[in-house]
Amino acid sequence: MKLQRIDDTRWRIPREGKMRVEGIVYASDAMMEALRNDPALQQVANVAHLPGILRASLAMPDIHWGYGFPIGGVAATDADEGVISPGGVGYDINCGVRLLRTDLRRGDFDRRALREVVEQLYRSIPTGVGGGRRDLRLSGDDLDGVLRDGAAWAVDRGLGFKRDLQALEEGGSLPQAEASQVSPRARERGGSQLGTLGSGNHFAEVQRVAEIYDERVARAFGLVRGQVTVMIHSGSRGLGHQVCTDHLKGMLAAAERHGIELPDRQLACAPLASPEGKCYLAAMAAAANFAFANRQVMTHFVRESFAKATGTPVERLGIEVVYDVCHNIAKMETFEVDGRRQRACVHRKGATRAYPPGHAEVPHAYREVGQPVLIPGDMGRYSYVLAGTQKAYEETFGSSCHGAGRLLSRGEAKRRARGRRVVEELAEKGIVVMAAGMATVAEEMPEAYKDVADVVDVVTRAGIATKVARLEPLGVIKG
């Protein structure tokens, strides 16, 4: 793979062959040294072949190999001449992160009280591969409502507050969603999974604000040092996975019919204006709305869990949504490209929207400081809160990184964890961990991931986000 250094945070993959644009990768020297022979770089080049792609095929510093697109990939395609590719969204449609702040401080909890909170969260929020709540099995009409209205469906049923919706990307609902485009099998898989974490890298984590880097922005986000926060990482569960599966075959046929040459069949795509493109966008939006509602319902469970564990009424806990971001999504957005305003379908696959101060789609409370950008790390170190910038809007279609990025495969992580007692190791650091199985804990041990501080360092030095706060784990529930 040919690589050219642009500056100390960016590398160019030169345009060659049938690439329509160049590739741009954000990485440090050490990251690039580890990446040089990684197939994820070839995926960046492959994405550059997509019809209608604008400016460049982009990759964030948490890049690693994925289906079709690299995880950490960003690509915008022209609204009139471009395509939509499910590989640019991923199987877990609208996998994302929600951050909650509280009026509690770390000093309010001794070790026993912290364990009570974590245990209550574990009882309230189903985890694991299946994971369902009998009291939230959705009828056909209710599921249609979730797919159509997203987080608002939950709020209308008392699972949250109206004000929550003001702090969600897109207000917690994509209007182009059509429940009719979601297959019976997808509906069956998702019908019992609302309000559940799932497995793999999904989690709910009790944290403390360990460091504030920008007092003004942190104040706008409602964050102060020593404060207890909760981060929820989950997506559209089996429903979203099935939506992706259902549409891939049709996308391959559409690509062949439209004469689209693909360097990798996993980049199956269709023109945005084609029947296949429109159907996928409508189904994807419905799955994204399921994910918004899923995180909203879990927010309600978090409030209830803290109230039960602490004996304090919900209204006195001050548990409020800071923000909710999508990590796996494709949305129509507007940018200036080559000197003119242009509508584009922005694929973010393992990447976070990072809109700047003043943008109309940033919640009013944050408009002067920029959109919150939530970057989870691993369960043994830390996570970060960043803010979007004008430079990101101009260079990366308003995008930044989404997390630490895997360093080890799940199999390799489990192999290296043999003979270790990961839960006890974390307990020695004061971190309470509860999980459906120890295999998940092994797969998700801290060493399985890059140090998220290194990833954040690259995006902040590149100017596509600014650092606001560091959050450290106190207790974690996992699938």
Protein backbone atom coordinates (compact mmCIF):
# COMPACT_ATOMS: atom_id res chain seq x y z
CA MET A 1 0.00 0.00 0.00
CA LYS A 2 1.43 3.35 -1.07
CA LEU A 3 1.31 5.98 1.66
CA GLN A 4 2.30 9.63 1.64
CA ARG A 5 2.64 11.72 4.79
CA ILE A 6 0.60 14.92 4.68
CA ASP A 7 1.42 16.18 8.18
CA ASP A 8 1.88 14.75 11.68
CA THR A 9 -1.69 13.37 11.88
CA ARG A 10 -2.71 12.66 8.26
CA TRP A 11 -1.58 10.19 5.62
CA ARG A 12 -2.61 10.00 1.97
CA ILE A 13 -3.38 6.88 -0.05
CA PRO A 14 -2.79 8.24 -3.58
CA ARG A 15 -5.50 7.81 -6.17
CA GLU A 16 -4.67 5.05 -8.64
CA GLY A 17 -6.43 2.61 -10.92
CA LYS A 18 -10.20 3.11 -10.72
CA MET A 19 -10.17 5.00 -7.44
CA ARG A 20 -12.37 8.08 -7.85
CA VAL A 21 -10.78 9.98 -4.96
CA GLU A 22 -7.76 9.62 -2.68
CA GLY A 23 -7.77 8.08 0.76
CA ILE A 24 -6.96 10.07 3.89
CA VAL A 25 -6.09 8.30 7.15
CA TYR A 26 -5.75 10.09 10.50
CA ALA A 27 -3.04 8.36 12.53
CA SER A 28 0.10 8.90 14.57
CA ASP A 29 3.46 7.52 13.45
CA ALA A 30 3.12 4.59 15.86
CA MET A 31 -0.40 3.81 14.67
CA MET A 32 0.62 3.90 11.03
CA GLU A 33 3.59 1.64 11.69
CA ALA A 34 1.17 -0.95 13.10
CA LEU A 35 -1.30 -0.37 10.23
CA ARG A 36 1.02 -0.60 7.23
CA ASN A 37 0.20 -4.23 6.47
CA ASP A 38 -3.35 -4.13 7.80
CA PRO A 39 -6.19 -4.95 5.34
CA ALA A 40 -8.11 -1.96 6.75
CA LEU A 41 -5.92 0.36 4.64
CA GLN A 42 -6.88 -1.55 1.50
CA GLN A 43 -10.49 -1.08 2.53
CA VAL A 44 -9.96 2.70 2.63
CA ALA A 45 -8.72 2.48 -0.97
CA ASN A 46 -11.60 0.19 -1.95
CA VAL A 47 -14.20 2.66 -0.64
CA ALA A 48 -12.64 5.31 -2.89
CA HIS A 49 -14.06 3.37 -5.89
CA LEU A 50 -17.70 4.08 -4.97
CA PRO A 51 -19.69 6.11 -7.53
CA GLY A 52 -20.34 9.68 -6.47
CA ILE A 53 -17.88 9.67 -3.58
CA LEU A 54 -16.88 13.21 -2.63
CA ARG A 55 -13.49 14.62 -1.68
CA ALA A 56 -11.83 11.53 -0.14
CA SER A 57 -12.31 8.15 1.49
CA LEU A 58 -11.57 8.92 5.15
CA ALA A 59 -10.46 6.86 8.13
CA MET A 60 -10.21 7.87 11.77
CA PRO A 61 -7.34 6.79 14.11
CA ASP A 62 -9.47 4.00 15.64
CA ILE A 63 -9.46 2.30 12.22
CA HIS A 64 -9.58 -1.50 12.02
CA TRP A 65 -10.81 -4.09 9.56
CA GLY A 66 -14.57 -4.35 9.04
CA TYR A 67 -17.19 -5.59 6.59
CA GLY A 68 -16.57 -3.74 3.30
CA PHE A 69 -15.73 -0.40 4.90
CA PRO A 70 -13.09 -0.24 7.61
CA ILE A 71 -14.44 0.44 11.06
CA GLY A 72 -13.50 4.08 11.56
CA GLY A 73 -14.41 4.84 7.94
CA VAL A 74 -16.22 7.93 6.63
CA ALA A 75 -17.44 8.46 3.07
CA ALA A 76 -19.84 11.02 1.64
CA THR A 77 -21.55 10.36 -1.69
CA ASP A 78 -23.30 12.90 -3.90
CA ALA A 79 -27.06 13.02 -3.27
CA ASP A 80 -27.84 12.95 -7.02
CA GLU A 81 -25.13 10.72 -8.46
CA GLY A 82 -23.91 8.72 -5.47
CA VAL A 83 -24.69 5.38 -3.87
CA ILE A 84 -25.64 3.95 -0.51
CA SER A 85 -23.67 0.96 0.80
CA PRO A 86 -24.79 -1.12 3.81
CA GLY A 87 -21.12 -1.92 4.42
CA GLY A 88 -20.65 1.78 5.17
CA VAL A 89 -23.16 1.52 8.01
CA GLY A 90 -22.48 -1.94 9.37
CA TYR A 91 -24.63 -4.72 10.74
CA ASP A 92 -25.34 -3.00 14.06
CA ILE A 93 -27.24 -0.06 12.61
CA ASN A 94 -27.03 3.00 14.87
CA CYS A 95 -24.76 1.38 17.35
CA GLY A 96 -24.10 4.46 19.44
CA VAL A 97 -23.36 6.00 22.81
CA ARG A 98 -25.45 7.98 25.27
CA LEU A 99 -23.95 9.87 28.20
CA LEU A 100 -25.95 10.70 31.33
CA ARG A 101 -24.82 13.12 34.01
CA THR A 102 -26.06 13.05 37.60
CA ASP A 103 -26.11 15.27 40.67
CA LEU A 104 -24.15 12.58 42.52
CA ARG A 105 -20.45 12.73 43.36
CA ARG A 106 -17.97 9.90 43.71
CA GLY A 107 -17.78 10.62 47.44
CA ASP A 108 -21.46 9.72 47.78
CA PHE A 109 -20.61 6.03 47.26
CA ASP A 110 -18.56 3.63 49.31
CA ARG A 111 -17.56 0.33 47.71
CA ARG A 112 -20.68 -1.46 48.96
CA ALA A 113 -23.03 1.25 47.69
CA LEU A 114 -21.32 1.23 44.29
CA ARG A 115 -21.78 -2.54 44.04
CA GLU A 116 -25.47 -2.14 44.89
CA VAL A 117 -25.87 0.32 42.01
CA VAL A 118 -24.08 -1.98 39.55
CA GLU A 119 -26.06 -5.02 40.72
CA GLN A 120 -29.32 -3.13 40.31
CA LEU A 121 -28.32 -2.06 36.79
CA TYR A 122 -27.49 -5.69 35.98
CA ARG A 123 -30.92 -6.82 37.22
CA SER A 124 -32.75 -4.10 35.30
CA ILE A 125 -30.99 -4.14 31.93
CA PRO A 126 -30.89 -7.50 30.12
CA THR A 127 -27.50 -8.43 28.70
CA GLY A 128 -26.15 -11.14 26.43
CA VAL A 129 -26.81 -12.49 22.94
CA GLY A 130 -30.59 -12.94 23.32
CA GLY A 131 -31.43 -10.63 26.17
CA GLY A 132 -35.07 -9.62 26.48
CA ARG A 133 -37.61 -8.27 28.99
CA ARG A 134 -40.98 -9.98 29.19
CA ASP A 135 -42.63 -6.70 30.14
CA LEU A 136 -41.41 -5.04 26.92
CA ARG A 137 -42.37 -7.55 24.24
CA LEU A 138 -43.71 -5.39 21.44
CA SER A 139 -46.94 -5.97 19.55
CA GLY A 140 -47.05 -5.22 15.83
CA ASP A 141 -48.47 -1.73 16.35
CA ASP A 142 -46.03 -0.90 19.13
CA LEU A 143 -43.06 -2.06 17.06
CA ASP A 144 -44.32 0.06 14.15
CA GLY A 145 -44.37 3.01 16.55
CA VAL A 146 -40.79 2.35 17.68
CA LEU A 147 -39.57 2.05 14.09
CA ARG A 148 -41.38 5.24 13.11
CA ASP A 149 -40.82 7.50 16.13
CA GLY A 150 -37.64 6.25 17.81
CA ALA A 151 -36.91 7.64 21.27
CA ALA A 152 -40.12 9.68 21.27
CA TRP A 153 -42.13 6.44 21.34
CA ALA A 154 -40.52 5.54 24.66
CA VAL A 155 -40.93 9.02 26.13
CA ASP A 156 -44.62 9.06 25.18
CA ARG A 157 -45.02 5.91 27.29
CA GLY A 158 -43.39 7.38 30.37
CA LEU A 159 -39.95 5.90 29.72
CA GLY A 160 -38.13 9.19 29.99
CA PHE A 161 -38.79 12.92 29.75
CA LYS A 162 -39.57 15.18 26.80
CA ARG A 163 -36.41 17.15 27.55
CA ASP A 164 -34.36 14.00 26.86
CA LEU A 165 -35.19 14.29 23.16
CA GLN A 166 -33.55 17.72 22.91
CA ALA A 167 -30.15 16.17 23.68
CA LEU A 168 -30.20 13.38 21.07
CA GLU A 169 -28.66 13.36 17.61
CA GLU A 170 -31.54 13.99 15.17
CA GLY A 171 -33.83 14.33 18.19
CA GLY A 172 -33.73 10.54 18.46
CA SER A 173 -35.64 9.83 15.25
CA LEU A 174 -34.89 9.69 11.51
CA PRO A 175 -38.02 10.83 9.62
CA GLN A 176 -37.36 8.80 6.46
CA ALA A 177 -38.00 5.56 8.37
CA GLU A 178 -40.61 3.16 6.97
CA ALA A 179 -41.63 0.26 9.18
CA SER A 180 -43.01 -1.55 6.11
CA GLN A 181 -39.44 -1.99 4.80
CA VAL A 182 -38.42 -4.02 7.87
CA SER A 183 -38.85 -7.74 7.21
CA PRO A 184 -40.93 -10.11 9.38
CA ARG A 185 -37.72 -11.87 10.44
CA ALA A 186 -36.13 -8.59 11.54
CA ARG A 187 -39.27 -7.68 13.46
CA GLU A 188 -39.28 -11.09 15.11
CA ARG A 189 -35.66 -10.69 16.21
CA GLY A 190 -36.21 -7.21 17.61
CA GLY A 191 -39.63 -7.64 19.18
CA SER A 192 -38.29 -8.73 22.58
CA GLN A 193 -35.01 -6.81 22.59
CA LEU A 194 -36.03 -3.22 23.33
CA GLY A 195 -34.23 -1.92 26.42
CA THR A 196 -31.39 -4.46 26.20
CA LEU A 197 -27.62 -4.13 25.90
CA GLY A 198 -26.72 -7.16 23.83
CA SER A 199 -23.28 -8.72 23.80
CA GLY A 200 -19.75 -8.00 22.57
CA ASN A 201 -18.47 -4.51 23.24
CA HIS A 202 -21.82 -3.14 24.42
CA PHE A 203 -21.98 -1.91 28.00
CA ALA A 204 -23.50 0.35 30.60
CA GLU A 205 -20.79 1.98 32.69
CA VAL A 206 -20.92 4.04 35.88
CA GLN A 207 -18.12 6.60 35.74
CA ARG A 208 -16.65 9.61 37.45
CA VAL A 209 -15.47 12.79 35.79
CA ALA A 210 -11.76 12.55 36.50
CA GLU A 211 -10.46 15.54 34.55
CA ILE A 212 -11.83 18.69 32.97
CA TYR A 213 -9.81 20.14 30.08
CA ASP A 214 -12.11 22.96 29.00
CA GLU A 215 -14.13 24.50 31.84
CA ARG A 216 -16.35 26.61 29.58
CA VAL A 217 -17.44 23.73 27.35
CA ALA A 218 -17.74 21.31 30.27
CA ARG A 219 -20.00 23.80 32.03
CA ALA A 220 -22.23 23.94 28.95
CA PHE A 221 -22.39 20.13 28.93
CA GLY A 222 -23.20 20.11 32.66
CA LEU A 223 -20.00 18.27 33.63
CA VAL A 224 -17.88 18.94 36.74
CA ARG A 225 -14.93 17.11 38.24
CA GLY A 226 -15.85 14.29 40.62
CA GLN A 227 -19.36 13.95 39.18
CA VAL A 228 -20.90 10.52 38.60
CA THR A 229 -21.92 9.82 35.00
CA VAL A 230 -23.33 6.81 33.15
CA MET A 231 -22.40 5.82 29.60
CA ILE A 232 -24.60 3.45 27.58
CA HIS A 233 -23.22 1.77 24.44
CA SER A 234 -25.67 -0.31 22.40
CA GLY A 235 -27.49 -0.37 19.07
CA SER A 236 -30.37 -1.89 17.13
CA ARG A 237 -29.71 -5.46 18.28
CA GLY A 238 -30.95 -8.37 16.13
CA LEU A 239 -33.39 -6.16 14.24
CA GLY A 240 -30.63 -3.98 12.77
CA HIS A 241 -28.44 -6.98 11.98
CA GLN A 242 -31.29 -8.58 10.05
CA VAL A 243 -32.05 -5.37 8.14
CA CYS A 244 -28.47 -5.31 6.90
CA THR A 245 -28.58 -9.01 5.99
CA ASP A 246 -31.90 -8.62 4.17
CA HIS A 247 -30.70 -5.81 1.91
CA LEU A 248 -27.18 -6.94 0.97
CA LYS A 249 -28.26 -9.42 -1.72
CA GLY A 250 -30.48 -6.85 -3.43
CA MET A 251 -27.63 -4.35 -3.32
CA LEU A 252 -25.29 -6.75 -5.14
CA ALA A 253 -27.89 -7.28 -7.87
CA ALA A 254 -28.46 -3.53 -8.14
CA ALA A 255 -24.74 -2.84 -8.46
CA GLU A 256 -24.49 -5.35 -11.33
CA ARG A 257 -27.57 -3.94 -13.05
CA HIS A 258 -26.19 -0.40 -12.87
CA GLY A 259 -22.77 -1.48 -14.10
CA ILE A 260 -21.00 -0.56 -10.87
CA GLU A 261 -17.60 -2.23 -10.65
CA LEU A 262 -16.65 -3.13 -7.10
CA PRO A 263 -13.16 -4.08 -5.88
CA ASP A 264 -14.85 -6.01 -3.05
CA ARG A 265 -18.32 -7.61 -3.06
CA GLN A 266 -18.73 -6.46 0.54
CA LEU A 267 -19.07 -2.92 -0.86
CA ALA A 268 -22.42 -3.91 -2.40
CA CYS A 269 -24.28 -0.68 -3.11
CA ALA A 270 -27.09 0.90 -5.09
CA PRO A 271 -27.72 4.41 -6.40
CA LEU A 272 -29.46 6.55 -3.81
CA ALA A 273 -32.30 7.19 -6.23
CA SER A 274 -32.82 3.51 -7.12
CA PRO A 275 -35.62 1.39 -5.62
CA GLU A 276 -33.03 -0.69 -3.74
CA GLY A 277 -31.31 2.43 -2.41
CA LYS A 278 -34.57 3.98 -1.25
CA CYS A 279 -35.77 0.76 0.39
CA TYR A 280 -32.52 0.29 2.28
CA LEU A 281 -32.44 3.90 3.49
CA ALA A 282 -36.02 3.59 4.78
CA ALA A 283 -35.29 0.28 6.53
CA MET A 284 -31.96 1.51 7.91
CA ALA A 285 -33.66 4.60 9.35
CA ALA A 286 -36.29 2.40 11.00
CA ALA A 287 -33.56 0.26 12.57
CA ALA A 288 -31.77 3.44 13.69
CA ASN A 289 -34.98 4.56 15.37
CA PHE A 290 -35.16 1.21 17.18
CA ALA A 291 -31.64 1.88 18.50
CA PHE A 292 -32.57 5.39 19.68
CA ALA A 293 -35.59 3.93 21.49
CA ASN A 294 -33.43 1.14 22.90
CA ARG A 295 -31.02 3.60 24.53
CA GLN A 296 -33.96 5.70 25.72
CA VAL A 297 -35.56 2.76 27.49
CA MET A 298 -32.23 1.85 29.09
CA THR A 299 -31.95 5.45 30.29
CA HIS A 300 -35.24 4.94 32.12
CA PHE A 301 -33.87 1.72 33.66
CA VAL A 302 -30.71 3.56 34.77
CA ARG A 303 -32.82 6.18 36.55
CA GLU A 304 -34.90 3.50 38.25
CA SER A 305 -31.79 1.51 39.22
CA PHE A 306 -30.08 4.47 40.88
CA ALA A 307 -33.29 5.36 42.70
CA LYS A 308 -33.68 1.81 44.05
CA ALA A 309 -30.03 1.38 44.97
CA THR A 310 -29.69 4.75 46.71
CA GLY A 311 -33.19 5.10 48.15
CA THR A 312 -33.44 8.51 46.48
CA PRO A 313 -36.39 9.60 44.29
CA VAL A 314 -35.53 9.89 40.59
CA GLU A 315 -36.32 13.60 40.51
CA ARG A 316 -33.64 14.28 43.17
CA LEU A 317 -30.87 12.37 41.38
CA GLY A 318 -30.50 14.86 38.52
CA ILE A 319 -29.92 12.13 35.92
CA GLU A 320 -30.02 14.02 32.64
CA VAL A 321 -28.97 13.20 29.10
CA VAL A 322 -25.80 15.00 28.03
CA TYR A 323 -26.00 13.66 24.47
CA ASP A 324 -26.63 10.59 22.32
CA VAL A 325 -24.52 9.93 19.19
CA CYS A 326 -24.75 7.44 16.32
CA HIS A 327 -21.66 5.45 15.36
CA ASN A 328 -23.00 3.34 12.46
CA ILE A 329 -25.26 5.39 10.22
CA ALA A 330 -25.79 6.95 6.79
CA LYS A 331 -27.61 10.29 6.68
CA MET A 332 -28.33 13.05 4.20
CA GLU A 333 -26.41 16.16 5.27
CA THR A 334 -25.25 19.40 3.67
CA PHE A 335 -21.64 20.57 3.25
CA GLU A 336 -19.58 22.88 1.11
CA VAL A 337 -17.67 20.80 -1.46
CA ASP A 338 -15.48 22.42 -4.09
CA GLY A 339 -16.92 25.83 -3.31
CA ARG A 340 -20.62 24.98 -3.42
CA ARG A 341 -23.24 23.78 -0.95
CA GLN A 342 -24.02 20.16 -1.62
CA ARG A 343 -26.30 17.48 -0.22
CA ALA A 344 -24.53 14.23 0.48
CA CYS A 345 -25.17 10.84 1.99
CA VAL A 346 -22.58 10.61 4.76
CA HIS A 347 -21.64 7.06 5.74
CA ARG A 348 -20.13 6.91 9.23
CA LYS A 349 -19.09 3.37 10.12
CA GLY A 350 -17.41 3.48 13.51
CA ALA A 351 -17.23 7.28 13.39
CA THR A 352 -19.01 10.07 15.26
CA ARG A 353 -20.66 13.20 13.95
CA ALA A 354 -18.73 16.21 15.26
CA TYR A 355 -20.62 19.37 14.28
CA PRO A 356 -19.11 22.77 15.14
CA PRO A 357 -20.28 25.70 17.25
CA GLY A 358 -23.08 27.60 15.57
CA HIS A 359 -24.46 24.69 13.54
CA ALA A 360 -28.25 24.60 13.49
CA GLU A 361 -28.36 20.86 14.27
CA VAL A 362 -26.39 21.23 17.51
CA PRO A 363 -28.82 21.41 20.46
CA HIS A 364 -29.49 24.99 21.50
CA ALA A 365 -27.87 24.46 24.93
CA TYR A 366 -24.59 23.55 23.20
CA ARG A 367 -24.77 25.76 20.13
CA GLU A 368 -22.06 28.16 21.32
CA VAL A 369 -19.54 25.40 22.11
CA GLY A 370 -20.22 22.67 19.56
CA GLN A 371 -21.73 19.20 19.56
CA PRO A 372 -20.70 16.76 22.29
CA VAL A 373 -18.59 13.92 20.86
CA LEU A 374 -18.62 10.83 23.09
CA ILE A 375 -15.61 8.51 22.87
CA PRO A 376 -15.78 5.32 24.96
CA GLY A 377 -12.52 3.60 25.83
CA ASP A 378 -12.17 0.25 27.57
CA MET A 379 -13.50 -0.90 30.93
CA GLY A 380 -10.12 -0.62 32.65
CA ARG A 381 -8.94 2.85 31.67
CA TYR A 382 -11.03 5.86 30.60
CA SER A 383 -13.42 7.43 28.11
CA TYR A 384 -13.53 10.99 26.77
CA VAL A 385 -15.97 13.76 26.01
CA LEU A 386 -14.91 15.94 23.09
CA ALA A 387 -16.58 18.76 21.16
CA GLY A 388 -17.00 19.18 17.41
CA THR A 389 -15.10 21.82 15.42
CA GLN A 390 -15.34 23.88 12.27
CA LYS A 391 -12.28 22.09 10.91
CA ALA A 392 -14.07 18.76 11.18
CA TYR A 393 -17.03 20.24 9.32
CA GLU A 394 -14.71 21.41 6.54
CA GLU A 395 -12.35 18.41 6.32
CA THR A 396 -14.12 15.24 7.47
CA PHE A 397 -17.79 15.93 6.73
CA GLY A 398 -18.22 16.82 10.39
CA SER A 399 -16.81 13.53 11.66
CA SER A 400 -14.43 12.31 14.35
CA CYS A 401 -13.37 9.01 15.93
CA HIS A 402 -15.81 6.77 17.81
CA GLY A 403 -13.73 4.84 20.36
CA ALA A 404 -10.46 3.10 21.05
CA GLY A 405 -10.57 0.58 18.20
CA ARG A 406 -9.76 -3.10 18.64
CA LEU A 407 -6.13 -4.15 18.87
CA LEU A 408 -6.71 -7.89 19.30
CA SER A 409 -9.30 -10.13 17.67
CA ARG A 410 -11.86 -11.60 20.03
CA GLY A 411 -10.25 -15.01 19.69
CA GLU A 412 -6.78 -13.68 20.41
CA ALA A 413 -8.05 -11.71 23.41
CA LYS A 414 -9.61 -14.86 24.88
CA ARG A 415 -6.40 -16.80 24.25
CA ARG A 416 -4.30 -14.20 26.09
CA ALA A 417 -6.81 -14.07 28.96
CA ARG A 418 -6.49 -17.78 29.74
CA GLY A 419 -5.48 -18.32 33.33
CA ARG A 420 -6.15 -14.69 34.24
CA ARG A 421 -8.90 -13.42 36.54
CA VAL A 422 -9.83 -10.26 34.66
CA VAL A 423 -12.79 -9.38 36.90
CA GLU A 424 -10.60 -9.62 40.00
CA GLU A 425 -7.86 -7.57 38.32
CA LEU A 426 -10.37 -4.80 37.63
CA ALA A 427 -11.78 -5.08 41.16
CA GLU A 428 -8.30 -4.34 42.50
CA LYS A 429 -8.53 -1.04 40.59
CA GLY A 430 -11.87 -0.33 42.25
CA ILE A 431 -13.94 -1.23 39.17
CA VAL A 432 -16.98 -3.46 39.69
CA VAL A 433 -17.72 -5.66 36.65
CA MET A 434 -20.79 -7.82 36.08
CA ALA A 435 -21.32 -9.78 32.86
CA ALA A 436 -23.46 -12.55 31.40
CA GLY A 437 -20.34 -14.67 30.89
CA MET A 438 -16.62 -14.56 31.49
CA ALA A 439 -15.93 -15.12 27.77
CA THR A 440 -17.25 -11.62 27.08
CA VAL A 441 -15.07 -10.15 29.81
CA ALA A 442 -12.03 -11.84 28.27
CA GLU A 443 -12.89 -10.59 24.77
CA GLU A 444 -13.30 -7.08 26.14
CA MET A 445 -10.33 -6.93 28.50
CA PRO A 446 -8.51 -3.57 28.37
CA GLU A 447 -5.53 -4.94 26.44
CA ALA A 448 -7.86 -5.93 23.56
CA TYR A 449 -8.14 -2.25 22.64
CA LYS A 450 -5.87 0.59 21.63
CA ASP A 451 -5.33 3.18 24.33
CA VAL A 452 -8.19 5.59 23.59
CA ALA A 453 -6.01 8.47 24.85
CA ASP A 454 -3.78 7.95 21.81
CA VAL A 455 -6.79 8.03 19.48
CA VAL A 456 -8.11 11.20 21.11
CA ASP A 457 -4.66 12.78 20.89
CA VAL A 458 -4.64 12.35 17.10
CA VAL A 459 -8.09 13.87 16.51
CA THR A 460 -7.42 16.80 18.83
CA ARG A 461 -4.02 17.53 17.26
CA ALA A 462 -5.67 17.30 13.86
CA GLY A 463 -8.24 19.85 15.02
CA ILE A 464 -11.30 17.75 14.21
CA ALA A 465 -12.39 17.71 17.87
CA THR A 466 -11.41 19.43 21.10
CA LYS A 467 -10.90 17.69 24.44
CA VAL A 468 -13.47 18.51 27.17
CA ALA A 469 -13.37 15.82 29.89
CA ARG A 470 -11.96 12.42 30.84
CA LEU A 471 -14.26 9.87 32.47
CA GLU A 472 -12.97 6.90 34.49
CA PRO A 473 -14.93 3.66 35.11
CA LEU A 474 -16.34 2.75 38.51
CA GLY A 475 -18.65 -0.10 37.56
CA VAL A 476 -19.57 -1.87 34.32
CA ILE A 477 -22.24 -4.29 33.15
CA LYS A 478 -21.61 -6.22 29.94
CA GLY A 479 -23.21 -8.92 27.82
